[in-house]
Full PDB file with SEQRES, HELIX, SHEET, SSBOND, CRYST1, ORIGX, SCALE, CONECT and MASTER records, all heavy atoms in Angstrom:
SEQRES   1 A   31  LEU ILE TYR ASP GLN ALA ARG ARG LEU LYS LEU PRO VAL          
SEQRES   2 A   31  VAL GLU VAL THR LEU TRP GLU THR ARG ARG SER SER ALA          
SEQRES   3 A   31  THR TYR ARG PRO VAL                                          
HELIX    1 AA1 ILE A    2  ARG A    8  1                                   7    
SHEET    1 AA1 2 VAL A  16  TRP A  19  0                                        
SHEET    2 AA1 2 SER A  25  TYR A  28 -1                                        
CRYST1    1.000    1.000    1.000  90.00  90.00  90.00 P 1           1          
ORIGX1      1.000000  0.000000  0.000000        0.00000                         
ORIGX2      0.000000  1.000000  0.000000        0.00000                         
ORIGX3      0.000000  0.000000  1.000000        0.00000                         
SCALE1      1.000000  0.000000  0.000000        0.00000                         
SCALE2      0.000000  1.000000  0.000000        0.00000                         
SCALE3      0.000000  0.000000  1.000000        0.00000                         
ATOM      1  N   LEU A   1       3.049  -3.443  -4.606  1.00  0.00           N  
ATOM      2  CA  LEU A   1       2.308  -3.750  -5.825  1.00  0.00           C  
ATOM      3  C   LEU A   1       0.959  -3.027  -5.829  1.00  0.00           C  
ATOM      4  O   LEU A   1       0.572  -2.399  -6.828  1.00  0.00           O  
ATOM      5  CB  LEU A   1       2.099  -5.263  -5.925  1.00  0.00           C  
ATOM      6  CG  LEU A   1       1.194  -5.771  -7.042  1.00  0.00           C  
ATOM      7  CD1 LEU A   1       1.836  -5.554  -8.399  1.00  0.00           C  
ATOM      8  CD2 LEU A   1       0.875  -7.247  -6.825  1.00  0.00           C  
ATOM      9  N   ILE A   2       0.246  -3.091  -4.715  1.00  0.00           N  
ATOM     10  CA  ILE A   2      -1.064  -2.431  -4.616  1.00  0.00           C  
ATOM     11  C   ILE A   2      -0.901  -0.910  -4.658  1.00  0.00           C  
ATOM     12  O   ILE A   2      -1.679  -0.206  -5.318  1.00  0.00           O  
ATOM     13  CB  ILE A   2      -1.806  -2.911  -3.356  1.00  0.00           C  
ATOM     14  CG1 ILE A   2      -2.133  -4.407  -3.502  1.00  0.00           C  
ATOM     15  CG2 ILE A   2      -3.070  -2.084  -3.108  1.00  0.00           C  
ATOM     16  CD1 ILE A   2      -2.621  -5.063  -2.230  1.00  0.00           C  
ATOM     17  N   TYR A   3       0.121  -0.394  -3.991  1.00  0.00           N  
ATOM     18  CA  TYR A   3       0.407   1.043  -4.039  1.00  0.00           C  
ATOM     19  C   TYR A   3       0.627   1.483  -5.494  1.00  0.00           C  
ATOM     20  O   TYR A   3       0.031   2.470  -5.958  1.00  0.00           O  
ATOM     21  CB  TYR A   3       1.641   1.370  -3.198  1.00  0.00           C  
ATOM     22  CG  TYR A   3       2.067   2.806  -3.313  1.00  0.00           C  
ATOM     23  CD1 TYR A   3       1.610   3.758  -2.406  1.00  0.00           C  
ATOM     24  CD2 TYR A   3       2.894   3.233  -4.351  1.00  0.00           C  
ATOM     25  CE1 TYR A   3       1.981   5.089  -2.527  1.00  0.00           C  
ATOM     26  CE2 TYR A   3       3.266   4.558  -4.483  1.00  0.00           C  
ATOM     27  CZ  TYR A   3       2.808   5.479  -3.572  1.00  0.00           C  
ATOM     28  OH  TYR A   3       3.163   6.799  -3.702  1.00  0.00           O  
ATOM     29  N   ASP A   4       1.480   0.756  -6.209  1.00  0.00           N  
ATOM     30  CA  ASP A   4       1.785   1.118  -7.595  1.00  0.00           C  
ATOM     31  C   ASP A   4       0.532   1.092  -8.471  1.00  0.00           C  
ATOM     32  O   ASP A   4       0.355   1.957  -9.333  1.00  0.00           O  
ATOM     33  CB  ASP A   4       2.842   0.181  -8.169  1.00  0.00           C  
ATOM     34  CG  ASP A   4       4.230   0.409  -7.568  1.00  0.00           C  
ATOM     35  OD1 ASP A   4       4.464   1.452  -6.931  1.00  0.00           O  
ATOM     36  OD2 ASP A   4       5.074  -0.496  -7.748  1.00  0.00           O  
ATOM     37  N   GLN A   5      -0.341   0.131  -8.244  1.00  0.00           N  
ATOM     38  CA  GLN A   5      -1.581   0.064  -9.029  1.00  0.00           C  
ATOM     39  C   GLN A   5      -2.485   1.249  -8.687  1.00  0.00           C  
ATOM     40  O   GLN A   5      -3.100   1.842  -9.577  1.00  0.00           O  
ATOM     41  CB  GLN A   5      -2.317  -1.254  -8.798  1.00  0.00           C  
ATOM     42  CG  GLN A   5      -3.578  -1.394  -9.605  1.00  0.00           C  
ATOM     43  CD  GLN A   5      -3.361  -1.322 -11.114  1.00  0.00           C  
ATOM     44  OE1 GLN A   5      -2.314  -1.704 -11.624  1.00  0.00           O  
ATOM     45  NE2 GLN A   5      -4.344  -0.832 -11.830  1.00  0.00           N  
ATOM     46  N   ALA A   6      -2.565   1.620  -7.418  1.00  0.00           N  
ATOM     47  CA  ALA A   6      -3.363   2.785  -7.026  1.00  0.00           C  
ATOM     48  C   ALA A   6      -2.848   4.052  -7.719  1.00  0.00           C  
ATOM     49  O   ALA A   6      -3.637   4.880  -8.185  1.00  0.00           O  
ATOM     50  CB  ALA A   6      -3.354   2.953  -5.516  1.00  0.00           C  
ATOM     51  N   ARG A   7      -1.531   4.183  -7.814  1.00  0.00           N  
ATOM     52  CA  ARG A   7      -0.949   5.342  -8.515  1.00  0.00           C  
ATOM     53  C   ARG A   7      -1.319   5.310  -9.998  1.00  0.00           C  
ATOM     54  O   ARG A   7      -1.652   6.345 -10.578  1.00  0.00           O  
ATOM     55  CB  ARG A   7       0.575   5.367  -8.361  1.00  0.00           C  
ATOM     56  CG  ARG A   7       1.062   5.591  -6.951  1.00  0.00           C  
ATOM     57  CD  ARG A   7       0.808   6.955  -6.439  1.00  0.00           C  
ATOM     58  NE  ARG A   7       1.630   7.924  -7.142  1.00  0.00           N  
ATOM     59  CZ  ARG A   7       1.542   9.227  -6.977  1.00  0.00           C  
ATOM     60  NH1 ARG A   7       0.688   9.724  -6.123  1.00  0.00           N  
ATOM     61  NH2 ARG A   7       2.321  10.031  -7.657  1.00  0.00           N  
ATOM     62  N   ARG A   8      -1.257   4.121 -10.622  1.00  0.00           N  
ATOM     63  CA  ARG A   8      -1.630   4.015 -12.035  1.00  0.00           C  
ATOM     64  C   ARG A   8      -3.093   4.413 -12.247  1.00  0.00           C  
ATOM     65  O   ARG A   8      -3.456   4.917 -13.306  1.00  0.00           O  
ATOM     66  CB  ARG A   8      -1.395   2.598 -12.555  1.00  0.00           C  
ATOM     67  CG  ARG A   8       0.053   2.308 -12.896  1.00  0.00           C  
ATOM     68  CD  ARG A   8       0.218   1.004 -13.648  1.00  0.00           C  
ATOM     69  NE  ARG A   8       0.088  -0.170 -12.818  1.00  0.00           N  
ATOM     70  CZ  ARG A   8       1.036  -0.658 -12.011  1.00  0.00           C  
ATOM     71  NH1 ARG A   8       2.197  -0.053 -11.903  1.00  0.00           N  
ATOM     72  NH2 ARG A   8       0.818  -1.736 -11.307  1.00  0.00           N  
ATOM     73  N   LEU A   9      -3.911   4.170 -11.236  1.00  0.00           N  
ATOM     74  CA  LEU A   9      -5.324   4.528 -11.312  1.00  0.00           C  
ATOM     75  C   LEU A   9      -5.567   5.996 -10.951  1.00  0.00           C  
ATOM     76  O   LEU A   9      -6.705   6.432 -10.845  1.00  0.00           O  
ATOM     77  CB  LEU A   9      -6.140   3.610 -10.395  1.00  0.00           C  
ATOM     78  CG  LEU A   9      -6.201   2.148 -10.837  1.00  0.00           C  
ATOM     79  CD1 LEU A   9      -6.785   1.273  -9.722  1.00  0.00           C  
ATOM     80  CD2 LEU A   9      -7.013   2.017 -12.119  1.00  0.00           C  
ATOM     81  N   LYS A  10      -4.489   6.728 -10.740  1.00  0.00           N  
ATOM     82  CA  LYS A  10      -4.545   8.174 -10.440  1.00  0.00           C  
ATOM     83  C   LYS A  10      -5.161   8.480  -9.077  1.00  0.00           C  
ATOM     84  O   LYS A  10      -5.690   9.566  -8.857  1.00  0.00           O  
ATOM     85  CB  LYS A  10      -5.290   8.940 -11.532  1.00  0.00           C  
ATOM     86  CG  LYS A  10      -4.801   8.681 -12.938  1.00  0.00           C  
ATOM     87  CD  LYS A  10      -3.505   9.369 -13.213  1.00  0.00           C  
ATOM     88  CE  LYS A  10      -3.189   9.355 -14.691  1.00  0.00           C  
ATOM     89  NZ  LYS A  10      -1.974   8.685 -15.040  1.00  0.00           N  
ATOM     90  N   LEU A  11      -5.102   7.528  -8.163  1.00  0.00           N  
ATOM     91  CA  LEU A  11      -5.567   7.784  -6.803  1.00  0.00           C  
ATOM     92  C   LEU A  11      -4.448   8.472  -6.028  1.00  0.00           C  
ATOM     93  O   LEU A  11      -3.279   8.132  -6.201  1.00  0.00           O  
ATOM     94  CB  LEU A  11      -5.957   6.472  -6.112  1.00  0.00           C  
ATOM     95  CG  LEU A  11      -7.158   5.745  -6.705  1.00  0.00           C  
ATOM     96  CD1 LEU A  11      -7.303   4.354  -6.087  1.00  0.00           C  
ATOM     97  CD2 LEU A  11      -8.424   6.557  -6.494  1.00  0.00           C  
ATOM     98  N   PRO A  12      -4.775   9.424  -5.152  1.00  0.00           N  
ATOM     99  CA  PRO A  12      -3.744  10.135  -4.388  1.00  0.00           C  
ATOM    100  C   PRO A  12      -3.249   9.316  -3.184  1.00  0.00           C  
ATOM    101  O   PRO A  12      -3.289   9.746  -2.038  1.00  0.00           O  
ATOM    102  CB  PRO A  12      -4.455  11.419  -3.955  1.00  0.00           C  
ATOM    103  CG  PRO A  12      -5.895  11.020  -3.821  1.00  0.00           C  
ATOM    104  CD  PRO A  12      -6.115   9.990  -4.914  1.00  0.00           C  
ATOM    105  N   VAL A  13      -2.750   8.122  -3.474  1.00  0.00           N  
ATOM    106  CA  VAL A  13      -2.333   7.184  -2.438  1.00  0.00           C  
ATOM    107  C   VAL A  13      -1.016   7.647  -1.813  1.00  0.00           C  
ATOM    108  O   VAL A  13      -0.129   8.139  -2.509  1.00  0.00           O  
ATOM    109  CB  VAL A  13      -2.207   5.751  -3.017  1.00  0.00           C  
ATOM    110  CG1 VAL A  13      -1.195   5.689  -4.134  1.00  0.00           C  
ATOM    111  CG2 VAL A  13      -1.888   4.735  -1.941  1.00  0.00           C  
ATOM    112  N   VAL A  14      -0.919   7.516  -0.494  1.00  0.00           N  
ATOM    113  CA  VAL A  14       0.331   7.835   0.203  1.00  0.00           C  
ATOM    114  C   VAL A  14       0.956   6.597   0.834  1.00  0.00           C  
ATOM    115  O   VAL A  14       2.166   6.563   1.051  1.00  0.00           O  
ATOM    116  CB  VAL A  14       0.152   8.937   1.266  1.00  0.00           C  
ATOM    117  CG1 VAL A  14      -0.195  10.261   0.595  1.00  0.00           C  
ATOM    118  CG2 VAL A  14      -0.867   8.561   2.308  1.00  0.00           C  
ATOM    119  N   GLU A  15       0.133   5.595   1.152  1.00  0.00           N  
ATOM    120  CA  GLU A  15       0.689   4.360   1.690  1.00  0.00           C  
ATOM    121  C   GLU A  15      -0.328   3.238   1.593  1.00  0.00           C  
ATOM    122  O   GLU A  15      -1.531   3.475   1.524  1.00  0.00           O  
ATOM    123  CB  GLU A  15       1.163   4.514   3.138  1.00  0.00           C  
ATOM    124  CG  GLU A  15       0.064   4.628   4.153  1.00  0.00           C  
ATOM    125  CD  GLU A  15       0.593   4.730   5.579  1.00  0.00           C  
ATOM    126  OE1 GLU A  15       1.623   5.403   5.800  1.00  0.00           O  
ATOM    127  OE2 GLU A  15      -0.034   4.145   6.468  1.00  0.00           O  
ATOM    128  N   VAL A  16       0.216   2.024   1.574  1.00  0.00           N  
ATOM    129  CA  VAL A  16      -0.609   0.819   1.604  1.00  0.00           C  
ATOM    130  C   VAL A  16      -0.016  -0.106   2.653  1.00  0.00           C  
ATOM    131  O   VAL A  16       1.193  -0.357   2.662  1.00  0.00           O  
ATOM    132  CB  VAL A  16      -0.645   0.107   0.233  1.00  0.00           C  
ATOM    133  CG1 VAL A  16      -1.350  -1.244   0.351  1.00  0.00           C  
ATOM    134  CG2 VAL A  16      -1.334   0.975  -0.810  1.00  0.00           C  
ATOM    135  N   THR A  17      -0.874  -0.597   3.531  1.00  0.00           N  
ATOM    136  CA  THR A  17      -0.477  -1.600   4.510  1.00  0.00           C  
ATOM    137  C   THR A  17      -1.169  -2.897   4.147  1.00  0.00           C  
ATOM    138  O   THR A  17      -2.378  -2.916   3.911  1.00  0.00           O  
ATOM    139  CB  THR A  17      -0.870  -1.183   5.941  1.00  0.00           C  
ATOM    140  OG1 THR A  17      -0.189   0.033   6.259  1.00  0.00           O  
ATOM    141  CG2 THR A  17      -0.511  -2.251   6.955  1.00  0.00           C  
ATOM    142  N   LEU A  18      -0.395  -3.968   4.081  1.00  0.00           N  
ATOM    143  CA  LEU A  18      -0.964  -5.282   3.845  1.00  0.00           C  
ATOM    144  C   LEU A  18      -0.903  -6.068   5.142  1.00  0.00           C  
ATOM    145  O   LEU A  18       0.179  -6.325   5.672  1.00  0.00           O  
ATOM    146  CB  LEU A  18      -0.217  -6.050   2.752  1.00  0.00           C  
ATOM    147  CG  LEU A  18      -0.826  -7.437   2.524  1.00  0.00           C  
ATOM    148  CD1 LEU A  18      -2.137  -7.319   1.775  1.00  0.00           C  
ATOM    149  CD2 LEU A  18       0.125  -8.366   1.831  1.00  0.00           C  
ATOM    150  N   TRP A  19      -2.079  -6.414   5.655  1.00  0.00           N  
ATOM    151  CA  TRP A  19      -2.181  -7.289   6.819  1.00  0.00           C  
ATOM    152  C   TRP A  19      -2.221  -8.713   6.298  1.00  0.00           C  
ATOM    153  O   TRP A  19      -3.178  -9.118   5.649  1.00  0.00           O  
ATOM    154  CB  TRP A  19      -3.437  -6.970   7.637  1.00  0.00           C  
ATOM    155  CG  TRP A  19      -3.278  -5.693   8.391  1.00  0.00           C  
ATOM    156  CD1 TRP A  19      -3.585  -4.439   7.963  1.00  0.00           C  
ATOM    157  CD2 TRP A  19      -2.735  -5.561   9.697  1.00  0.00           C  
ATOM    158  NE1 TRP A  19      -3.266  -3.529   8.929  1.00  0.00           N  
ATOM    159  CE2 TRP A  19      -2.738  -4.187  10.013  1.00  0.00           C  
ATOM    160  CE3 TRP A  19      -2.231  -6.469  10.632  1.00  0.00           C  
ATOM    161  CZ2 TRP A  19      -2.269  -3.699  11.217  1.00  0.00           C  
ATOM    162  CZ3 TRP A  19      -1.762  -5.991  11.837  1.00  0.00           C  
ATOM    163  CH2 TRP A  19      -1.787  -4.612  12.132  1.00  0.00           C  
ATOM    164  N   GLU A  20      -1.137  -9.449   6.551  1.00  0.00           N  
ATOM    165  CA  GLU A  20      -1.046 -10.831   6.099  1.00  0.00           C  
ATOM    166  C   GLU A  20      -1.799 -11.751   7.058  1.00  0.00           C  
ATOM    167  O   GLU A  20      -2.381 -12.751   6.645  1.00  0.00           O  
ATOM    168  CB  GLU A  20       0.427 -11.233   6.013  1.00  0.00           C  
ATOM    169  CG  GLU A  20       0.654 -12.518   5.291  1.00  0.00           C  
ATOM    170  CD  GLU A  20       2.116 -12.767   5.022  1.00  0.00           C  
ATOM    171  OE1 GLU A  20       2.826 -13.191   5.948  1.00  0.00           O  
ATOM    172  OE2 GLU A  20       2.541 -12.535   3.875  1.00  0.00           O  
ATOM    173  N   THR A  21      -1.767 -11.400   8.324  1.00  0.00           N  
ATOM    174  CA  THR A  21      -2.539 -12.083   9.361  1.00  0.00           C  
ATOM    175  C   THR A  21      -3.116 -10.998  10.261  1.00  0.00           C  
ATOM    176  O   THR A  21      -2.831  -9.813  10.075  1.00  0.00           O  
ATOM    177  CB  THR A  21      -1.667 -13.050  10.211  1.00  0.00           C  
ATOM    178  OG1 THR A  21      -0.769 -12.271  11.009  1.00  0.00           O  
ATOM    179  CG2 THR A  21      -0.892 -14.024   9.328  1.00  0.00           C  
ATOM    180  N   ARG A  22      -3.878 -11.400  11.270  1.00  0.00           N  
ATOM    181  CA  ARG A  22      -4.444 -10.403  12.197  1.00  0.00           C  
ATOM    182  C   ARG A  22      -3.357  -9.654  12.963  1.00  0.00           C  
ATOM    183  O   ARG A  22      -3.583  -8.563  13.452  1.00  0.00           O  
ATOM    184  CB  ARG A  22      -5.355 -11.086  13.207  1.00  0.00           C  
ATOM    185  CG  ARG A  22      -6.653 -11.562  12.652  1.00  0.00           C  
ATOM    186  CD  ARG A  22      -7.524 -12.122  13.755  1.00  0.00           C  
ATOM    187  NE  ARG A  22      -6.767 -12.180  15.010  1.00  0.00           N  
ATOM    188  CZ  ARG A  22      -7.041 -12.948  16.037  1.00  0.00           C  
ATOM    189  NH1 ARG A  22      -8.065 -13.728  15.992  1.00  0.00           N  
ATOM    190  NH2 ARG A  22      -6.304 -12.944  17.119  1.00  0.00           N  
ATOM    191  N   ARG A  23      -2.187 -10.234  13.083  1.00  0.00           N  
ATOM    192  CA  ARG A  23      -1.133  -9.634  13.902  1.00  0.00           C  
ATOM    193  C   ARG A  23       0.098  -9.178  13.113  1.00  0.00           C  
ATOM    194  O   ARG A  23       1.018  -8.620  13.699  1.00  0.00           O  
ATOM    195  CB  ARG A  23      -0.690 -10.630  14.973  1.00  0.00           C  
ATOM    196  CG  ARG A  23      -1.767 -10.922  15.981  1.00  0.00           C  
ATOM    197  CD  ARG A  23      -1.247 -11.792  17.112  1.00  0.00           C  
ATOM    198  NE  ARG A  23      -2.281 -11.999  18.105  1.00  0.00           N  
ATOM    199  CZ  ARG A  23      -3.103 -13.023  18.109  1.00  0.00           C  
ATOM    200  NH1 ARG A  23      -3.023 -13.944  17.175  1.00  0.00           N  
ATOM    201  NH2 ARG A  23      -4.017 -13.141  19.052  1.00  0.00           N  
ATOM    202  N   SER A  24       0.139  -9.441  11.821  1.00  0.00           N  
ATOM    203  CA  SER A  24       1.348  -9.146  11.047  1.00  0.00           C  
ATOM    204  C   SER A  24       1.011  -8.339   9.807  1.00  0.00           C  
ATOM    205  O   SER A  24       0.172  -8.745   8.996  1.00  0.00           O  
ATOM    206  CB  SER A  24       2.024 -10.453  10.613  1.00  0.00           C  
ATOM    207  OG  SER A  24       2.356 -11.227  11.736  1.00  0.00           O  
ATOM    208  N   SER A  25       1.705  -7.216   9.669  1.00  0.00           N  
ATOM    209  CA  SER A  25       1.478  -6.357   8.508  1.00  0.00           C  
ATOM    210  C   SER A  25       2.786  -5.757   8.023  1.00  0.00           C  
ATOM    211  O   SER A  25       3.784  -5.727   8.738  1.00  0.00           O  
ATOM    212  CB  SER A  25       0.496  -5.230   8.853  1.00  0.00           C  
ATOM    213  OG  SER A  25       1.096  -4.309   9.753  1.00  0.00           O  
ATOM    214  N   ALA A  26       2.746  -5.279   6.787  1.00  0.00           N  
ATOM    215  CA  ALA A  26       3.870  -4.557   6.185  1.00  0.00           C  
ATOM    216  C   ALA A  26       3.284  -3.352   5.467  1.00  0.00           C  
ATOM    217  O   ALA A  26       2.214  -3.438   4.859  1.00  0.00           O  
ATOM    218  CB  ALA A  26       4.625  -5.446   5.208  1.00  0.00           C  
ATOM    219  N   THR A  27       3.992  -2.237   5.531  1.00  0.00           N  
ATOM    220  CA  THR A  27       3.529  -1.005   4.908  1.00  0.00           C  
ATOM    221  C   THR A  27       4.524  -0.542   3.864  1.00  0.00           C  
ATOM    222  O   THR A  27       5.731  -0.590   4.086  1.00  0.00           O  
ATOM    223  CB  THR A  27       3.349   0.099   5.971  1.00  0.00           C  
ATOM    224  OG1 THR A  27       2.356  -0.329   6.911  1.00  0.00           O  
ATOM    225  CG2 THR A  27       2.919   1.423   5.349  1.00  0.00           C  
ATOM    226  N   TYR A  28       3.998  -0.097   2.732  1.00  0.00           N  
ATOM    227  CA  TYR A  28       4.826   0.573   1.725  1.00  0.00           C  
ATOM    228  C   TYR A  28       4.380   2.016   1.627  1.00  0.00           C  
ATOM    229  O   TYR A  28       3.201   2.325   1.427  1.00  0.00           O  
ATOM    230  CB  TYR A  28       4.702  -0.094   0.347  1.00  0.00           C  
ATOM    231  CG  TYR A  28       5.534   0.647  -0.660  1.00  0.00           C  
ATOM    232  CD1 TYR A  28       6.921   0.513  -0.661  1.00  0.00           C  
ATOM    233  CD2 TYR A  28       4.960   1.518  -1.574  1.00  0.00           C  
ATOM    234  CE1 TYR A  28       7.705   1.229  -1.553  1.00  0.00           C  
ATOM    235  CE2 TYR A  28       5.736   2.233  -2.470  1.00  0.00           C  
ATOM    236  CZ  TYR A  28       7.108   2.088  -2.452  1.00  0.00           C  
ATOM    237  OH  TYR A  28       7.887   2.797  -3.323  1.00  0.00           O  
ATOM    238  N   ARG A  29       5.340   2.890   1.809  1.00  0.00           N  
ATOM    239  CA  ARG A  29       5.136   4.344   1.660  1.00  0.00           C  
ATOM    240  C   ARG A  29       6.433   4.886   1.054  1.00  0.00           C  
ATOM    241  O   ARG A  29       7.488   4.771   1.681  1.00  0.00           O  
ATOM    242  CB  ARG A  29       4.878   4.982   3.020  1.00  0.00           C  
ATOM    243  CG  ARG A  29       4.699   6.479   2.976  1.00  0.00           C  
ATOM    244  CD  ARG A  29       4.455   7.082   4.362  1.00  0.00           C  
ATOM    245  NE  ARG A  29       5.481   6.702   5.315  1.00  0.00           N  
ATOM    246  CZ  ARG A  29       5.241   6.025   6.458  1.00  0.00           C  
ATOM    247  NH1 ARG A  29       4.026   5.662   6.775  1.00  0.00           N  
ATOM    248  NH2 ARG A  29       6.230   5.705   7.247  1.00  0.00           N  
ATOM    249  N   PRO A  30       6.388   5.424  -0.161  1.00  0.00           N  
ATOM    250  CA  PRO A  30       7.629   5.899  -0.781  1.00  0.00           C  
ATOM    251  C   PRO A  30       8.190   7.098  -0.017  1.00  0.00           C  
ATOM    252  O   PRO A  30       7.446   7.858   0.613  1.00  0.00           O  
ATOM    253  CB  PRO A  30       7.212   6.285  -2.187  1.00  0.00           C  
ATOM    254  CG  PRO A  30       5.757   6.574  -2.080  1.00  0.00           C  
ATOM    255  CD  PRO A  30       5.223   5.682  -0.983  1.00  0.00           C  
ATOM    256  N   VAL A  31       9.504   7.244  -0.097  1.00  0.00           N  
ATOM    257  CA  VAL A  31      10.159   8.366   0.576  1.00  0.00           C  
ATOM    258  C   VAL A  31       9.736   9.681  -0.068  1.00  0.00           C  
ATOM    259  O   VAL A  31       9.340  10.614   0.611  1.00  0.00           O  
ATOM    260  CB  VAL A  31      11.695   8.186   0.530  1.00  0.00           C  
ATOM    261  CG1 VAL A  31      12.384   9.398   1.133  1.00  0.00           C  
ATOM    262  CG2 VAL A  31      12.102   6.921   1.241  1.00  0.00           C  
TER     263      VAL A  31                                                      
MASTER        0    0    0    1    2    0    0    6  262    1    0    3          
END                                                                             
């Protein structure tokens, strides 16, 4: 969701990592 919004804002985003806790994260990076 954050990646898609960054793209809509015309930022040259390549990936977004969401840290849900200090030890757990998920990354979205399109192929």
